[in-house]
C-alpha atoms as a PDB file:
ATOM      1  CA  UNK A   1     264.793 134.865  25.569  1.00  0.00           C
ATOM      2  CA  UNK A   2     265.598 132.671  28.564  1.00  0.00           C
ATOM      3  CA  UNK A   3     263.627 129.401  28.879  1.00  0.00           C
ATOM      4  CA  UNK A   4     263.765 127.067  31.819  1.00  0.00           C
ATOM      5  CA  UNK A   5     262.653 123.506  30.863  1.00  0.00           C
ATOM      6  CA  UNK A   6     261.467 121.297  33.710  1.00  0.00           C
ATOM      7  CA  UNK A   7     260.781 117.549  33.600  1.00  0.00           C
ATOM      8  CA  UNK A   8     260.826 115.096  36.527  1.00  0.00           C
ATOM      9  CA  UNK A   9     262.614 112.654  34.158  1.00  0.00           C
ATOM     10  CA  UNK A  10     262.478 109.719  36.572  1.00  0.00           C
ATOM     11  CA  UNK A  11     261.863 107.313  33.628  1.00  0.00           C
ATOM     12  CA  UNK A  12     262.715 107.310  29.984  1.00  0.00           C
ATOM     13  CA  UNK A  13     259.435 107.297  28.094  1.00  0.00           C
ATOM     14  CA  UNK A  14     257.906 109.128  25.162  1.00  0.00           C
ATOM     15  CA  UNK A  15     257.557 112.374  27.042  1.00  0.00           C
ATOM     16  CA  UNK A  16     261.222 112.500  27.985  1.00  0.00           C
ATOM     17  CA  UNK A  17     262.104 111.788  24.381  1.00  0.00           C
ATOM     18  CA  UNK A  18     260.059 114.793  23.339  1.00  0.00           C
ATOM     19  CA  UNK A  19     261.832 117.039  25.875  1.00  0.00           C
ATOM     20  CA  UNK A  20     265.183 115.882  24.505  1.00  0.00           C
ATOM     21  CA  UNK A  21     264.171 116.608  20.960  1.00  0.00           C
ATOM     22  CA  UNK A  22     262.680 119.977  21.866  1.00  0.00           C
ATOM     23  CA  UNK A  23     265.824 121.163  23.677  1.00  0.00           C
ATOM     24  CA  UNK A  24     267.986 119.967  20.773  1.00  0.00           C
ATOM     25  CA  UNK A  25     265.904 121.839  18.162  1.00  0.00           C
ATOM     26  CA  UNK A  26     265.649 125.008  20.251  1.00  0.00           C
ATOM     27  CA  UNK A  27     269.398 125.018  20.679  1.00  0.00           C
ATOM     28  CA  UNK A  28     269.573 126.193  17.059  1.00  0.00           C
ATOM     29  CA  UNK A  29     267.412 129.309  17.696  1.00  0.00           C
ATOM     30  CA  UNK A  30     269.473 132.502  17.810  1.00  0.00           C
ATOM     31  CA  UNK A  31     268.926 134.533  20.927  1.00  0.00           C
ATOM     32  CA  UNK A  32     267.321 131.711  22.926  1.00  0.00           C
ATOM     33  CA  UNK A  33     269.013 130.410  26.070  1.00  0.00           C
ATOM     34  CA  UNK A  34     267.684 127.375  27.866  1.00  0.00           C
ATOM     35  CA  UNK A  35     268.427 125.360  30.940  1.00  0.00           C
ATOM     36  CA  UNK A  36     266.847 121.984  31.862  1.00  0.00           C
ATOM     37  CA  UNK A  37     266.044 120.968  35.400  1.00  0.00           C
ATOM     38  CA  UNK A  38     265.536 117.260  35.712  1.00  0.00           C
ATOM     39  CA  UNK A  39     266.642 114.224  37.742  1.00  0.00           C
ATOM     40  CA  UNK A  40     270.360 114.054  38.087  1.00  0.00           C
ATOM     41  CA  UNK A  41     271.910 111.176  36.258  1.00  0.00           C
ATOM     42  CA  UNK A  42     268.740 110.348  34.274  1.00  0.00           C
ATOM     43  CA  UNK A  43     268.680 109.276  30.667  1.00  0.00           C
ATOM     44  CA  UNK A  44     267.099 112.611  29.798  1.00  0.00           C
ATOM     45  CA  UNK A  45     269.855 114.516  31.562  1.00  0.00           C
ATOM     46  CA  UNK A  46     272.480 112.458  29.810  1.00  0.00           C
ATOM     47  CA  UNK A  47     271.074 112.997  26.303  1.00  0.00           C
ATOM     48  CA  UNK A  48     270.454 116.739  26.781  1.00  0.00           C
ATOM     49  CA  UNK A  49     273.901 117.287  28.213  1.00  0.00           C
ATOM     50  CA  UNK A  50     275.374 115.432  25.245  1.00  0.00           C
ATOM     51  CA  UNK A  51     273.744 117.930  22.951  1.00  0.00           C
ATOM     52  CA  UNK A  52     275.457 120.840  24.643  1.00  0.00           C
ATOM     53  CA  UNK A  53     272.398 122.141  26.545  1.00  0.00           C
ATOM     54  CA  UNK A  54     272.906 123.144  30.210  1.00  0.00           C
ATOM     55  CA  UNK A  55     271.323 120.715  32.668  1.00  0.00           C
ATOM     56  CA  UNK A  56     270.853 121.466  36.346  1.00  0.00           C
ATOM     57  CA  UNK A  57     270.358 118.031  37.805  1.00  0.00           C
ATOM     58  CA  UNK A  58     268.668 117.502  41.111  1.00  0.00           C
ATOM     59  CA  UNK A  59     267.554 114.721  43.381  1.00  0.00           C
ATOM     60  CA  UNK A  60     264.074 113.738  42.194  1.00  0.00           C
ATOM     61  CA  UNK A  61     263.256 110.361  43.662  1.00  0.00           C
ATOM     62  CA  UNK A  62     259.529 110.888  44.175  1.00  0.00           C
ATOM     63  CA  UNK A  63     257.112 112.973  42.092  1.00  0.00           C
ATOM     64  CA  UNK A  64     256.832 115.930  44.515  1.00  0.00           C
ATOM     65  CA  UNK A  65     260.408 115.706  45.925  1.00  0.00           C
ATOM     66  CA  UNK A  66     261.049 118.694  48.219  1.00  0.00           C
ATOM     67  CA  UNK A  67     264.698 118.681  47.143  1.00  0.00           C
ATOM     68  CA  UNK A  68     263.672 119.259  43.564  1.00  0.00           C
ATOM     69  CA  UNK A  69     261.451 122.112  44.718  1.00  0.00           C
ATOM     70  CA  UNK A  70     264.346 123.854  46.472  1.00  0.00           C
ATOM     71  CA  UNK A  71     266.579 123.317  43.521  1.00  0.00           C
ATOM     72  CA  UNK A  72     263.975 124.634  41.141  1.00  0.00           C
ATOM     73  CA  UNK A  73     263.485 127.734  43.234  1.00  0.00           C
ATOM     74  CA  UNK A  74     267.207 128.437  43.387  1.00  0.00           C
ATOM     75  CA  UNK A  75     267.564 127.930  39.643  1.00  0.00           C
ATOM     76  CA  UNK A  76     264.722 130.358  38.869  1.00  0.00           C
ATOM     77  CA  UNK A  77     266.273 132.976  41.126  1.00  0.00           C
ATOM     78  CA  UNK A  78     269.683 132.591  39.452  1.00  0.00           C
ATOM     79  CA  UNK A  79     268.630 132.133  35.852  1.00  0.00           C
ATOM     80  CA  UNK A  80     265.716 134.568  35.811  1.00  0.00           C
ATOM     81  CA  UNK A  81     263.855 132.890  32.968  1.00  0.00           C
ATOM     82  CA  UNK A  82     261.350 134.641  30.754  1.00  0.00           C
ATOM     83  CA  UNK A  83     259.446 131.355  30.300  1.00  0.00           C
ATOM     84  CA  UNK A  84     259.154 128.335  32.527  1.00  0.00           C
ATOM     85  CA  UNK A  85     258.065 125.354  30.446  1.00  0.00           C
ATOM     86  CA  UNK A  86     257.057 122.246  32.457  1.00  0.00           C
ATOM     87  CA  UNK A  87     256.517 118.870  30.858  1.00  0.00           C
ATOM     88  CA  UNK A  88     254.655 116.725  33.358  1.00  0.00           C
ATOM     89  CA  UNK A  89     252.214 117.071  36.209  1.00  0.00           C
ATOM     90  CA  UNK A  90     254.809 116.749  39.005  1.00  0.00           C
ATOM     91  CA  UNK A  91     256.968 119.404  37.422  1.00  0.00           C
ATOM     92  CA  UNK A  92     253.949 121.677  37.065  1.00  0.00           C
ATOM     93  CA  UNK A  93     252.868 121.293  40.714  1.00  0.00           C
ATOM     94  CA  UNK A  94     256.347 122.192  41.919  1.00  0.00           C
ATOM     95  CA  UNK A  95     257.008 125.025  39.429  1.00  0.00           C
ATOM     96  CA  UNK A  96     253.601 126.655  39.932  1.00  0.00           C
ATOM     97  CA  UNK A  97     254.502 127.450  43.516  1.00  0.00           C
ATOM     98  CA  UNK A  98     257.843 129.106  42.694  1.00  0.00           C
ATOM     99  CA  UNK A  99     257.177 130.712  39.292  1.00  0.00           C
ATOM    100  CA  UNK A 100     257.324 134.137  40.915  1.00  0.00           C
ATOM    101  CA  UNK A 101     255.044 135.764  38.415  1.00  0.00           C
ATOM    102  CA  UNK A 102     256.908 134.457  35.386  1.00  0.00           C
ATOM    103  CA  UNK A 103     255.225 133.133  32.281  1.00  0.00           C
ATOM    104  CA  UNK A 104     254.391 129.467  32.804  1.00  0.00           C
ATOM    105  CA  UNK A 105     253.822 127.008  29.996  1.00  0.00           C
ATOM    106  CA  UNK A 106     252.840 123.362  30.458  1.00  0.00           C
ATOM    107  CA  UNK A 107     252.782 120.553  27.962  1.00  0.00           C
ATOM    108  CA  UNK A 108     249.926 118.061  28.340  1.00  0.00           C
ATOM    109  CA  UNK A 109     250.684 114.711  26.796  1.00  0.00           C
ATOM    110  CA  UNK A 110     247.929 112.524  28.112  1.00  0.00           C
ATOM    111  CA  UNK A 111     244.178 112.492  27.576  1.00  0.00           C
ATOM    112  CA  UNK A 112     243.295 111.959  31.243  1.00  0.00           C
ATOM    113  CA  UNK A 113     240.789 114.235  32.936  1.00  0.00           C
ATOM    114  CA  UNK A 114     242.114 117.083  35.170  1.00  0.00           C
ATOM    115  CA  UNK A 115     240.770 118.069  38.618  1.00  0.00           C
ATOM    116  CA  UNK A 116     238.652 121.083  39.107  1.00  0.00           C
ATOM    117  CA  UNK A 117     241.138 122.742  41.420  1.00  0.00           C
ATOM    118  CA  UNK A 118     244.379 121.162  40.253  1.00  0.00           C
ATOM    119  CA  UNK A 119     247.633 122.674  39.012  1.00  0.00           C
ATOM    120  CA  UNK A 120     246.484 122.489  35.388  1.00  0.00           C
ATOM    121  CA  UNK A 121     244.486 125.678  35.959  1.00  0.00           C
ATOM    122  CA  UNK A 122     247.724 127.658  36.651  1.00  0.00           C
ATOM    123  CA  UNK A 123     249.679 127.865  33.355  1.00  0.00           C
ATOM    124  CA  UNK A 124     249.487 130.913  31.175  1.00  0.00           C
ATOM    125  CA  UNK A 125     249.340 128.507  28.219  1.00  0.00           C
ATOM    126  CA  UNK A 126     248.865 124.729  27.928  1.00  0.00           C
ATOM    127  CA  UNK A 127     250.428 122.992  24.894  1.00  0.00           C
ATOM    128  CA  UNK A 128     248.282 119.935  24.033  1.00  0.00           C
ATOM    129  CA  UNK A 129     249.896 117.273  21.935  1.00  0.00           C
ATOM    130  CA  UNK A 130     246.649 116.562  20.099  1.00  0.00           C
ATOM    131  CA  UNK A 131     243.156 117.876  19.474  1.00  0.00           C
ATOM    132  CA  UNK A 132     241.891 115.065  21.573  1.00  0.00           C
ATOM    133  CA  UNK A 133     243.860 116.253  24.583  1.00  0.00           C
ATOM    134  CA  UNK A 134     242.583 119.748  24.059  1.00  0.00           C
ATOM    135  CA  UNK A 135     238.993 118.493  23.946  1.00  0.00           C
ATOM    136  CA  UNK A 136     239.404 116.771  27.334  1.00  0.00           C
ATOM    137  CA  UNK A 137     240.867 119.902  28.853  1.00  0.00           C
ATOM    138  CA  UNK A 138     238.092 122.068  27.547  1.00  0.00           C
ATOM    139  CA  UNK A 139     235.467 119.547  28.709  1.00  0.00           C
ATOM    140  CA  UNK A 140     237.051 119.809  32.215  1.00  0.00           C
ATOM    141  CA  UNK A 141     236.699 123.518  32.211  1.00  0.00           C
ATOM    142  CA  UNK A 142     240.015 124.914  30.911  1.00  0.00           C
ATOM    143  CA  UNK A 143     239.485 127.869  28.577  1.00  0.00           C
ATOM    144  CA  UNK A 144     239.934 126.898  24.930  1.00  0.00           C
ATOM    145  CA  UNK A 145     241.978 130.026  24.185  1.00  0.00           C
ATOM    146  CA  UNK A 146     244.494 129.014  26.877  1.00  0.00           C
ATOM    147  CA  UNK A 147     245.345 125.823  24.981  1.00  0.00           C
ATOM    148  CA  UNK A 148     247.482 125.506  21.845  1.00  0.00           C
ATOM    149  CA  UNK A 149     247.775 122.209  19.983  1.00  0.00           C
ATOM    150  CA  UNK A 150     251.319 121.335  19.030  1.00  0.00           C
ATOM    151  CA  UNK A 151     251.784 117.675  18.048  1.00  0.00           C
ATOM    152  CA  UNK A 152     254.701 115.680  19.230  1.00  0.00           C
ATOM    153  CA  UNK A 153     257.424 115.077  16.617  1.00  0.00           C
ATOM    154  CA  UNK A 154     260.376 112.893  15.872  1.00  0.00           C
ATOM    155  CA  UNK A 155     263.501 113.055  13.642  1.00  0.00           C
ATOM    156  CA  UNK A 156     262.632 110.369  11.013  1.00  0.00           C
ATOM    157  CA  UNK A 157     266.183 110.215   9.735  1.00  0.00           C
ATOM    158  CA  UNK A 158     267.576 109.687  13.245  1.00  0.00           C
ATOM    159  CA  UNK A 159     264.937 106.988  13.846  1.00  0.00           C
ATOM    160  CA  UNK A 160     266.052 105.155  10.756  1.00  0.00           C
ATOM    161  CA  UNK A 161     269.723 105.392  11.753  1.00  0.00           C
ATOM    162  CA  UNK A 162     268.896 104.116  15.202  1.00  0.00           C
ATOM    163  CA  UNK A 163     267.286 101.024  13.737  1.00  0.00           C
ATOM    164  CA  UNK A 164     270.669  99.686  12.514  1.00  0.00           C
ATOM    165  CA  UNK A 165     272.301  97.330  13.137  1.00  0.00           C
ATOM    166  CA  UNK A 166     269.378  94.861  13.406  1.00  0.00           C
ATOM    167  CA  UNK A 167     268.620  93.144  16.734  1.00  0.00           C
ATOM    168  CA  UNK A 168     267.844  89.816  15.001  1.00  0.00           C
ATOM    169  CA  UNK A 169     264.926  89.276  17.407  1.00  0.00           C
ATOM    170  CA  UNK A 170     263.668  86.197  15.609  1.00  0.00           C
ATOM    171  CA  UNK A 171     266.934  84.359  16.207  1.00  0.00           C
ATOM    172  CA  UNK A 172     266.988  85.443  19.858  1.00  0.00           C
ATOM    173  CA  UNK A 173     263.551  83.957  20.308  1.00  0.00           C
ATOM    174  CA  UNK A 174     264.544  80.818  18.294  1.00  0.00           C
ATOM    175  CA  UNK A 175     262.104  81.609  15.514  1.00  0.00           C
ATOM    176  CA  UNK A 176     262.539  81.070  11.828  1.00  0.00           C
ATOM    177  CA  UNK A 177     263.396  83.985   9.608  1.00  0.00           C
ATOM    178  CA  UNK A 178     259.912  83.840   7.987  1.00  0.00           C
ATOM    179  CA  UNK A 179     257.996  84.165  11.320  1.00  0.00           C
ATOM    180  CA  UNK A 180     255.462  86.967  11.330  1.00  0.00           C
ATOM    181  CA  UNK A 181     255.923  89.457  14.156  1.00  0.00           C
ATOM    182  CA  UNK A 182     253.374  91.871  15.613  1.00  0.00           C
ATOM    183  CA  UNK A 183     255.224  94.286  17.891  1.00  0.00           C
ATOM    184  CA  UNK A 184     253.978  96.495  20.718  1.00  0.00           C
ATOM    185  CA  UNK A 185     256.300  98.911  22.527  1.00  0.00           C
ATOM    186  CA  UNK A 186     254.876 100.724  25.550  1.00  0.00           C
ATOM    187  CA  UNK A 187     255.085 100.895  29.309  1.00  0.00           C
ATOM    188  CA  UNK A 188     253.123  98.161  31.074  1.00  0.00           C
ATOM    189  CA  UNK A 189     250.540 100.418  32.584  1.00  0.00           C
ATOM    190  CA  UNK A 190     246.784 100.380  32.567  1.00  0.00           C
ATOM    191  CA  UNK A 191     246.112 102.894  29.812  1.00  0.00           C
ATOM    192  CA  UNK A 192     248.292 101.056  27.313  1.00  0.00           C
ATOM    193  CA  UNK A 193     246.020  98.022  27.798  1.00  0.00           C
ATOM    194  CA  UNK A 194     248.294  95.203  26.782  1.00  0.00           C
ATOM    195  CA  UNK A 195     245.798  92.767  28.284  1.00  0.00           C
ATOM    196  CA  UNK A 196     243.553  93.516  25.291  1.00  0.00           C
ATOM    197  CA  UNK A 197     246.584  92.899  23.084  1.00  0.00           C
ATOM    198  CA  UNK A 198     247.083  89.478  24.702  1.00  0.00           C
ATOM    199  CA  UNK A 199     243.430  88.618  24.112  1.00  0.00           C
ATOM    200  CA  UNK A 200     243.877  89.703  20.487  1.00  0.00           C
ATOM    201  CA  UNK A 201     246.692  87.237  20.190  1.00  0.00           C
ATOM    202  CA  UNK A 202     244.294  84.555  21.441  1.00  0.00           C
ATOM    203  CA  UNK A 203     241.695  85.468  18.807  1.00  0.00           C
ATOM    204  CA  UNK A 204     244.355  85.651  16.032  1.00  0.00           C
ATOM    205  CA  UNK A 205     245.865  82.229  16.700  1.00  0.00           C
ATOM    206  CA  UNK A 206     243.407  80.150  14.700  1.00  0.00           C
ATOM    207  CA  UNK A 207     243.452  82.771  11.975  1.00  0.00           C
ATOM    208  CA  UNK A 208     247.247  83.021  11.657  1.00  0.00           C
ATOM    209  CA  UNK A 209     248.739  80.187  13.697  1.00  0.00           C
ATOM    210  CA  UNK A 210     252.393  81.171  13.168  1.00  0.00           C
ATOM    211  CA  UNK A 211     251.969  84.790  14.223  1.00  0.00           C
ATOM    212  CA  UNK A 212     254.006  85.797  17.185  1.00  0.00           C
ATOM    213  CA  UNK A 213     253.478  88.865  19.360  1.00  0.00           C
ATOM    214  CA  UNK A 214     256.201  90.844  21.120  1.00  0.00           C
ATOM    215  CA  UNK A 215     255.477  93.272  23.923  1.00  0.00           C
ATOM    216  CA  UNK A 216     258.444  95.493  24.758  1.00  0.00           C
ATOM    217  CA  UNK A 217     258.225  97.492  27.977  1.00  0.00           C
ATOM    218  CA  UNK A 218     258.242  97.352  31.750  1.00  0.00           C
ATOM    219  CA  UNK A 219     255.779  98.538  34.343  1.00  0.00           C
ATOM    220  CA  UNK A 220     253.576  97.704  37.279  1.00  0.00           C
ATOM    221  CA  UNK A 221     251.224  95.458  35.268  1.00  0.00           C
ATOM    222  CA  UNK A 222     253.791  92.967  34.131  1.00  0.00           C
ATOM    223  CA  UNK A 223     252.511  90.282  36.529  1.00  0.00           C
ATOM    224  CA  UNK A 224     248.889  90.773  35.404  1.00  0.00           C
ATOM    225  CA  UNK A 225     249.874  90.536  31.715  1.00  0.00           C
ATOM    226  CA  UNK A 226     251.915  87.419  32.494  1.00  0.00           C
ATOM    227  CA  UNK A 227     248.865  85.954  34.191  1.00  0.00           C
ATOM    228  CA  UNK A 228     246.700  86.716  31.144  1.00  0.00           C
ATOM    229  CA  UNK A 229     249.260  85.038  28.855  1.00  0.00           C
ATOM    230  CA  UNK A 230     249.228  81.971  31.078  1.00  0.00           C
ATOM    231  CA  UNK A 231     245.468  81.886  31.352  1.00  0.00           C
ATOM    232  CA  UNK A 232     245.122  81.861  27.565  1.00  0.00           C
ATOM    233  CA  UNK A 233     248.035  79.449  27.079  1.00  0.00           C
ATOM    234  CA  UNK A 234     249.917  81.818  24.884  1.00  0.00           C
ATOM    235  CA  UNK A 235     253.381  81.549  26.417  1.00  0.00           C
ATOM    236  CA  UNK A 236     254.730  80.139  23.068  1.00  0.00           C
ATOM    237  CA  UNK A 237     253.162  82.997  21.024  1.00  0.00           C
ATOM    238  CA  UNK A 238     253.297  86.144  23.178  1.00  0.00           C
ATOM    239  CA  UNK A 239     256.783  87.276  24.300  1.00  0.00           C
ATOM    240  CA  UNK A 240     257.241  89.789  27.080  1.00  0.00           C
ATOM    241  CA  UNK A 241     260.794  90.957  26.351  1.00  0.00           C
ATOM    242  CA  UNK A 242     261.020  93.826  28.895  1.00  0.00           C
ATOM    243  CA  UNK A 243     262.535  97.239  28.224  1.00  0.00           C
ATOM    244  CA  UNK A 244     264.326  97.356  24.870  1.00  0.00           C
ATOM    245  CA  UNK A 245     266.871 100.135  24.689  1.00  0.00           C
ATOM    246  CA  UNK A 246     267.032 100.142  20.855  1.00  0.00           C
ATOM    247  CA  UNK A 247     263.330  99.995  20.348  1.00  0.00           C
ATOM    248  CA  UNK A 248     263.573 101.402  16.834  1.00  0.00           C
ATOM    249  CA  UNK A 249     265.563  98.307  15.783  1.00  0.00           C
ATOM    250  CA  UNK A 250     262.781  96.135  17.203  1.00  0.00           C
ATOM    251  CA  UNK A 251     260.053  98.020  15.445  1.00  0.00           C
ATOM    252  CA  UNK A 252     261.964  97.789  12.152  1.00  0.00           C
ATOM    253  CA  UNK A 253     261.828  93.934  12.392  1.00  0.00           C
ATOM    254  CA  UNK A 254     258.006  93.987  12.830  1.00  0.00           C
ATOM    255  CA  UNK A 255     255.617  92.875  10.147  1.00  0.00           C
ATOM    256  CA  UNK A 256     253.031  95.067  11.844  1.00  0.00           C
ATOM    257  CA  UNK A 257     253.224  97.468  14.729  1.00  0.00           C
ATOM    258  CA  UNK A 258     250.258  97.279  17.136  1.00  0.00           C
ATOM    259  CA  UNK A 259     248.882  99.767  19.758  1.00  0.00           C
ATOM    260  CA  UNK A 260     246.168  98.641  22.067  1.00  0.00           C
ATOM    261  CA  UNK A 261     245.804 101.777  24.229  1.00  0.00           C
ATOM    262  CA  UNK A 262     242.459 102.734  25.778  1.00  0.00           C
ATOM    263  CA  UNK A 263     243.732 106.273  26.438  1.00  0.00           C
ATOM    264  CA  UNK A 264     246.526 107.954  24.469  1.00  0.00           C
ATOM    265  CA  UNK A 265     247.514 111.593  24.201  1.00  0.00           C
ATOM    266  CA  UNK A 266     248.973 111.104  20.726  1.00  0.00           C
ATOM    267  CA  UNK A 267     251.043 107.899  20.585  1.00  0.00           C
ATOM    268  CA  UNK A 268     254.368 109.207  19.390  1.00  0.00           C
ATOM    269  CA  UNK A 269     255.885 105.717  19.169  1.00  0.00           C
ATOM    270  CA  UNK A 270     253.601 105.265  16.217  1.00  0.00           C
ATOM    271  CA  UNK A 271     255.590 107.969  14.480  1.00  0.00           C
ATOM    272  CA  UNK A 272     258.658 105.786  14.854  1.00  0.00           C
ATOM    273  CA  UNK A 273     256.840 102.966  13.143  1.00  0.00           C
ATOM    274  CA  UNK A 274     255.772 105.208  10.289  1.00  0.00           C
ATOM    275  CA  UNK A 275     259.284 106.580   9.879  1.00  0.00           C
ATOM    276  CA  UNK A 276     260.530 102.942   9.604  1.00  0.00           C
ATOM    277  CA  UNK A 277     257.911 102.161   6.987  1.00  0.00           C
ATOM    278  CA  UNK A 278     256.038  99.588   9.202  1.00  0.00           C
ATOM    279  CA  UNK A 279     252.242  99.098   8.820  1.00  0.00           C
ATOM    280  CA  UNK A 280     250.393 100.047  11.966  1.00  0.00           C
ATOM    281  CA  UNK A 281     247.152  98.772  13.595  1.00  0.00           C
ATOM    282  CA  UNK A 282     245.776 100.617  16.571  1.00  0.00           C
ATOM    283  CA  UNK A 283     242.814 101.388  18.685  1.00  0.00           C
ATOM    284  CA  UNK A 284     240.988 104.669  18.026  1.00  0.00           C
ATOM    285  CA  UNK A 285     242.069 106.031  21.441  1.00  0.00           C
ATOM    286  CA  UNK A 286     242.704 109.752  22.167  1.00  0.00           C
ATOM    287  CA  UNK A 287     244.945 111.378  19.541  1.00  0.00           C
ATOM    288  CA  UNK A 288     245.775 108.204  17.546  1.00  0.00           C
ATOM    289  CA  UNK A 289     243.170 108.941  14.887  1.00  0.00           C
ATOM    290  CA  UNK A 290     244.958 112.271  14.245  1.00  0.00           C
ATOM    291  CA  UNK A 291     248.004 110.215  13.043  1.00  0.00           C
ATOM    292  CA  UNK A 292     246.498 107.123  11.342  1.00  0.00           C
ATOM    293  CA  UNK A 293     243.728 106.649   8.774  1.00  0.00           C
ATOM    294  CA  UNK A 294     240.402 105.130   9.903  1.00  0.00           C
ATOM    295  CA  UNK A 295     240.932 101.892   7.982  1.00  0.00           C
ATOM    296  CA  UNK A 296     243.652 100.679  10.394  1.00  0.00           C
ATOM    297  CA  UNK A 297     241.828 101.632  13.589  1.00  0.00           C
ATOM    298  CA  UNK A 298     239.602  99.472  15.796  1.00  0.00           C
ATOM    299  CA  UNK A 299     237.386 100.312  18.796  1.00  0.00           C
ATOM    300  CA  UNK A 300     239.068 100.573  22.173  1.00  0.00           C
ATOM    301  CA  UNK A 301     239.040  97.387  24.101  1.00  0.00           C
ATOM    302  CA  UNK A 302     237.894  95.193  21.165  1.00  0.00           C
ATOM    303  CA  UNK A 303     240.350  92.315  21.184  1.00  0.00           C
ATOM    304  CA  UNK A 304     238.653  90.382  18.366  1.00  0.00           C
ATOM    305  CA  UNK A 305     238.516  93.423  16.087  1.00  0.00           C
ATOM    306  CA  UNK A 306     242.175  94.110  16.837  1.00  0.00           C
ATOM    307  CA  UNK A 307     243.108  90.536  15.968  1.00  0.00           C
ATOM    308  CA  UNK A 308     241.124  90.600  12.729  1.00  0.00           C
ATOM    309  CA  UNK A 309     242.622  93.912  11.618  1.00  0.00           C
ATOM    310  CA  UNK A 310     246.166  92.687  12.270  1.00  0.00           C
ATOM    311  CA  UNK A 311     245.523  89.514  10.277  1.00  0.00           C
ATOM    312  CA  UNK A 312     243.922  91.514   7.456  1.00  0.00           C
ATOM    313  CA  UNK A 313     246.952  93.855   7.212  1.00  0.00           C
ATOM    314  CA  UNK A 314     249.344  90.831   7.143  1.00  0.00           C
ATOM    315  CA  UNK A 315     247.294  89.162   4.441  1.00  0.00           C
ATOM    316  CA  UNK A 316     246.760  92.337   2.422  1.00  0.00           C
ATOM    317  CA  UNK A 317     248.753  93.805  -0.464  1.00  0.00           C
ATOM    318  CA  UNK A 318     252.411  94.487   0.129  1.00  0.00           C
ATOM    319  CA  UNK A 319     252.740  97.559   2.279  1.00  0.00           C
ATOM    320  CA  UNK A 320     254.150 100.595   0.509  1.00  0.00           C
ATOM    321  CA  UNK A 321     255.119 103.177   3.147  1.00  0.00           C
ATOM    322  CA  UNK A 322     253.950 106.696   2.489  1.00  0.00           C
ATOM    323  CA  UNK A 323     256.217 109.692   2.947  1.00  0.00           C
ATOM    324  CA  UNK A 324     256.652 110.625   6.595  1.00  0.00           C
ATOM    325  CA  UNK A 325     254.165 113.479   7.454  1.00  0.00           C
ATOM    326  CA  UNK A 326     256.267 116.623   7.967  1.00  0.00           C
ATOM    327  CA  UNK A 327     253.812 117.999  10.499  1.00  0.00           C
ATOM    328  CA  UNK A 328     255.043 115.328  12.915  1.00  0.00           C
ATOM    329  CA  UNK A 329     258.742 116.190  12.669  1.00  0.00           C
ATOM    330  CA  UNK A 330     260.797 117.419  15.654  1.00  0.00           C
ATOM    331  CA  UNK A 331     261.472 120.635  13.842  1.00  0.00           C
ATOM    332  CA  UNK A 332     257.776 121.294  13.292  1.00  0.00           C
ATOM    333  CA  UNK A 333     257.120 120.512  16.998  1.00  0.00           C
ATOM    334  CA  UNK A 334     259.873 122.932  18.138  1.00  0.00           C
ATOM    335  CA  UNK A 335     258.622 125.672  15.748  1.00  0.00           C
ATOM    336  CA  UNK A 336     255.184 125.373  17.259  1.00  0.00           C
ATOM    337  CA  UNK A 337     256.475 125.570  20.782  1.00  0.00           C
ATOM    338  CA  UNK A 338     258.669 128.566  19.870  1.00  0.00           C
ATOM    339  CA  UNK A 339     255.548 130.353  18.536  1.00  0.00           C
ATOM    340  CA  UNK A 340     253.913 129.831  21.934  1.00  0.00           C
ATOM    341  CA  UNK A 341     256.889 131.331  23.734  1.00  0.00           C
ATOM    342  CA  UNK A 342     256.995 134.349  21.438  1.00  0.00           C
ATOM    343  CA  UNK A 343     253.234 134.928  21.676  1.00  0.00           C
ATOM    344  CA  UNK A 344     253.525 135.156  25.473  1.00  0.00           C
ATOM    345  CA  UNK A 345     256.742 137.273  25.727  1.00  0.00           C
END
């Protein structure tokens, strides 16, 4: 079986991490040959190449880059794939026009609504990363039997290895070794809703005065988040630290990991926190309730509830991490994707 993986790969986020893990796991499957088309020189291209998987890099400076379209068309003609698997909307839009009758699979990682006449009507099968994503697609008119739920997965052992050596974040921020840290790691975009997180820090301050909040990530809303921190006079308690390459090491230093999303396909970074044994508090957005129990979830957008839940977790009994759920392993994810390929071949 020949599989062409396609991801625009212009940034390194959770979706690109999943593509990397998928290609790595599928490399072990006898009789399966795969090529990845992605942005030349990207972090995704670098990691996949390092694992010995063929990468055909291309210029991909904008989402619907015509140079990527031509490169994709030439690759399909030369490789003759049995399955084309796209991993984001831009990749789907380009691939759908040059699939040449081949089986087209698309992974949907966000719980945003899809347009009535958009490209998401084109795939032979959509892989939804959560039941919540599937529900949105069905609500928008996609046939339920055209959607298969395969949750994202991680390699928990690799996550633990990546967390060492420690970053010593407290020292870098000139905090004492006993300072409590609530950590959020996500792109600074609207649906991650870090402004609610900042307001939660405001509500939590009188409850837990020495609690500090770290927001790791970059994005277009950085200025708006900085303005919210200034408005609430939290510059000494909320730390915007930008993109952190070794985010696992940062999460490992947290007393609690916090997600404030108002929309979330699954929230795979939560899996990293679970693998590292960190307690998690999150909003009940999208697929997050499919990972976490109800007693650590709060309503979307409720800053005061988020603050109270974080404080309750910090003041509660010592956290004993449960075993990492095997259904969220990278191997389980790849097995589910392979089942989809085989069902369509």
